[in-house]
């Protein structure tokens, strides 16, 4: 477990640092921020061995709850807090039509986890256009605010 924690922190530190840097970008529009986050995830997680750490947590977390606890403490809780901060700022700027994303920052991670699972289970049978999926997800999350702004204009 200690070894896993060290591997996890080493593997995830650059990813969290990128999310922290994005959260610090006060003027970046939400859609651009999410696009950057999604692209970074595709390049630095899905396309690298980091994806295996997440798969390990997903497959073995129930049998080894300490692994899940470590992952939650070192990754999930920090990521959710950063996304909540980003979503609250976007809501104040009128980029989101509701507080749903701030209340459920998990929504950002859902297609990332789904794409990871898809890659591991079904990629040989049916390829997934991860970029297209993530772009569609961004439109779903931010589209209501754009529609509202266009109507108000």
Protein backbone atom coordinates (compact mmCIF):
# COMPACT_ATOMS: atom_id res chain seq x y z
CA UNK A 1 0.00 0.00 0.00
CA UNK A 2 2.85 2.38 0.76
CA UNK A 3 4.44 1.55 -2.58
CA UNK A 4 1.12 2.11 -4.35
CA UNK A 5 0.78 5.47 -2.62
CA UNK A 6 4.25 6.52 -3.76
CA UNK A 7 3.57 5.40 -7.34
CA UNK A 8 0.22 7.13 -7.30
CA UNK A 9 1.56 10.44 -6.04
CA UNK A 10 4.40 10.34 -8.58
CA UNK A 11 2.10 9.44 -11.48
CA UNK A 12 -0.67 11.86 -10.60
CA UNK A 13 1.27 14.90 -9.39
CA UNK A 14 1.78 16.35 -12.90
CA UNK A 15 -1.89 15.84 -13.78
CA UNK A 16 -3.09 17.57 -10.62
CA UNK A 17 -0.58 20.35 -11.18
CA UNK A 18 -2.10 20.95 -14.62
CA UNK A 19 -5.64 21.10 -13.18
CA UNK A 20 -4.40 23.47 -10.48
CA UNK A 21 -2.82 25.69 -13.14
CA UNK A 22 -6.07 25.72 -15.11
CA UNK A 23 -8.04 26.57 -11.97
CA UNK A 24 -5.69 29.50 -11.39
CA UNK A 25 -6.44 30.94 -14.85
CA UNK A 26 -8.99 33.54 -13.80
CA UNK A 27 -9.80 34.82 -17.29
CA UNK A 28 -9.94 31.57 -19.26
CA UNK A 29 -13.48 30.75 -20.46
CA UNK A 30 -14.93 27.55 -19.05
CA UNK A 31 -15.22 25.86 -22.44
CA UNK A 32 -11.54 26.53 -23.19
CA UNK A 33 -10.55 25.33 -19.73
CA UNK A 34 -12.51 22.11 -20.12
CA UNK A 35 -11.08 21.57 -23.60
CA UNK A 36 -7.56 21.96 -22.21
CA UNK A 37 -8.33 19.62 -19.33
CA UNK A 38 -9.81 17.01 -21.64
CA UNK A 39 -6.91 17.21 -24.08
CA UNK A 40 -4.42 16.90 -21.25
CA UNK A 41 -6.28 13.85 -19.93
CA UNK A 42 -6.23 12.24 -23.37
CA UNK A 43 -2.49 12.81 -23.83
CA UNK A 44 -1.20 12.37 -20.29
CA UNK A 45 -3.51 9.70 -18.92
CA UNK A 46 -5.25 7.71 -21.65
CA UNK A 47 -2.16 7.59 -23.85
CA UNK A 48 0.25 6.68 -21.03
CA UNK A 49 0.71 4.09 -18.30
CA UNK A 50 -1.13 6.40 -15.90
CA UNK A 51 -4.33 4.84 -17.20
CA UNK A 52 -3.24 1.56 -15.61
CA UNK A 53 -3.17 3.17 -12.16
CA UNK A 54 -6.79 4.24 -12.57
CA UNK A 55 -7.76 0.82 -13.91
CA UNK A 56 -6.08 -0.77 -10.91
CA UNK A 57 -8.12 1.38 -8.56
CA UNK A 58 -11.32 0.62 -10.46
CA UNK A 59 -10.77 -3.12 -10.55
CA UNK A 60 -9.10 -3.73 -7.20
CA UNK A 61 -10.50 -0.93 -5.03
CA UNK A 62 -13.26 -3.11 -3.59
CA UNK A 63 -10.87 -5.89 -2.63
CA UNK A 64 -8.27 -3.46 -1.33
CA UNK A 65 -10.20 -0.53 0.14
CA UNK A 66 -7.01 1.20 1.29
CA UNK A 67 -6.04 1.65 -2.38
CA UNK A 68 -9.39 3.32 -3.05
CA UNK A 69 -8.98 5.49 0.05
CA UNK A 70 -5.52 6.62 -1.02
CA UNK A 71 -6.72 7.38 -4.55
CA UNK A 72 -9.68 9.32 -3.22
CA UNK A 73 -7.51 11.33 -0.84
CA UNK A 74 -4.70 12.05 -3.30
CA UNK A 75 -6.68 12.47 -6.53
CA UNK A 76 -10.46 12.50 -6.38
CA UNK A 77 -10.97 14.92 -3.49
CA UNK A 78 -8.39 17.36 -4.86
CA UNK A 79 -9.78 17.15 -8.39
CA UNK A 80 -13.36 17.67 -7.23
CA UNK A 81 -12.36 20.71 -5.16
CA UNK A 82 -10.59 22.27 -8.16
CA UNK A 83 -13.49 21.62 -10.53
CA UNK A 84 -15.91 23.06 -7.96
CA UNK A 85 -13.81 26.22 -7.82
CA UNK A 86 -13.74 26.48 -11.62
CA UNK A 87 -17.50 25.86 -11.88
CA UNK A 88 -18.37 28.49 -9.27
CA UNK A 89 -16.27 31.06 -11.09
CA UNK A 90 -17.89 30.12 -14.42
CA UNK A 91 -21.35 30.40 -12.90
CA UNK A 92 -20.60 33.88 -11.57
CA UNK A 93 -19.43 34.91 -15.06
CA UNK A 94 -22.65 33.58 -16.60
CA UNK A 95 -20.99 30.69 -18.41
CA UNK A 96 -23.22 28.14 -16.70
CA UNK A 97 -26.99 28.26 -16.47
CA UNK A 98 -27.10 26.61 -13.03
CA UNK A 99 -25.00 25.56 -10.05
CA UNK A 100 -25.25 21.91 -11.07
CA UNK A 101 -21.60 21.57 -12.07
CA UNK A 102 -20.40 23.18 -8.83
CA UNK A 103 -22.70 20.86 -6.87
CA UNK A 104 -21.71 17.79 -8.89
CA UNK A 105 -18.17 18.30 -10.21
CA UNK A 106 -18.18 14.55 -10.80
CA UNK A 107 -19.86 15.40 -14.11
CA UNK A 108 -16.48 16.48 -15.49
CA UNK A 109 -14.92 13.13 -14.66
CA UNK A 110 -17.75 10.90 -15.89
CA UNK A 111 -16.79 10.83 -19.60
CA UNK A 112 -13.10 10.53 -18.69
CA UNK A 113 -13.74 7.39 -16.64
CA UNK A 114 -16.14 6.06 -19.27
CA UNK A 115 -13.55 6.53 -22.01
CA UNK A 116 -10.95 4.77 -19.88
CA UNK A 117 -13.29 1.84 -19.28
CA UNK A 118 -14.29 1.72 -22.95
CA UNK A 119 -10.66 1.66 -24.03
CA UNK A 120 -9.89 -1.24 -21.71
CA UNK A 121 -12.98 -3.30 -22.55
CA UNK A 122 -14.23 -2.51 -26.04
CA UNK A 123 -11.59 -0.70 -28.08
CA UNK A 124 -10.77 -3.78 -30.17
CA UNK A 125 -14.45 -4.32 -30.95
CA UNK A 126 -15.58 -0.74 -31.36
CA UNK A 127 -13.29 2.27 -31.25
CA UNK A 128 -14.51 5.28 -29.35
CA UNK A 129 -13.92 8.79 -30.65
CA UNK A 130 -12.79 10.11 -27.28
CA UNK A 131 -12.17 13.61 -28.61
CA UNK A 132 -15.66 13.73 -30.09
CA UNK A 133 -17.20 12.36 -26.89
CA UNK A 134 -15.44 14.95 -24.75
CA UNK A 135 -16.37 17.80 -27.12
CA UNK A 136 -20.02 16.71 -27.02
CA UNK A 137 -19.85 16.55 -23.23
CA UNK A 138 -18.51 20.10 -23.08
CA UNK A 139 -21.37 21.27 -25.28
CA UNK A 140 -23.89 19.57 -23.01
CA UNK A 141 -22.35 21.18 -19.92
CA UNK A 142 -21.99 24.68 -21.32
CA UNK A 143 -24.62 24.80 -24.07
CA UNK A 144 -27.48 25.97 -21.89
CA UNK A 145 -25.56 29.09 -20.86
CA UNK A 146 -24.66 29.89 -24.48
CA UNK A 147 -28.28 29.45 -25.55
CA UNK A 148 -29.46 31.70 -22.71
CA UNK A 149 -26.91 34.41 -23.59
CA UNK A 150 -27.88 34.29 -27.27
CA UNK A 151 -31.57 34.66 -26.32
CA UNK A 152 -30.83 37.60 -24.03
CA UNK A 153 -28.79 39.40 -26.71
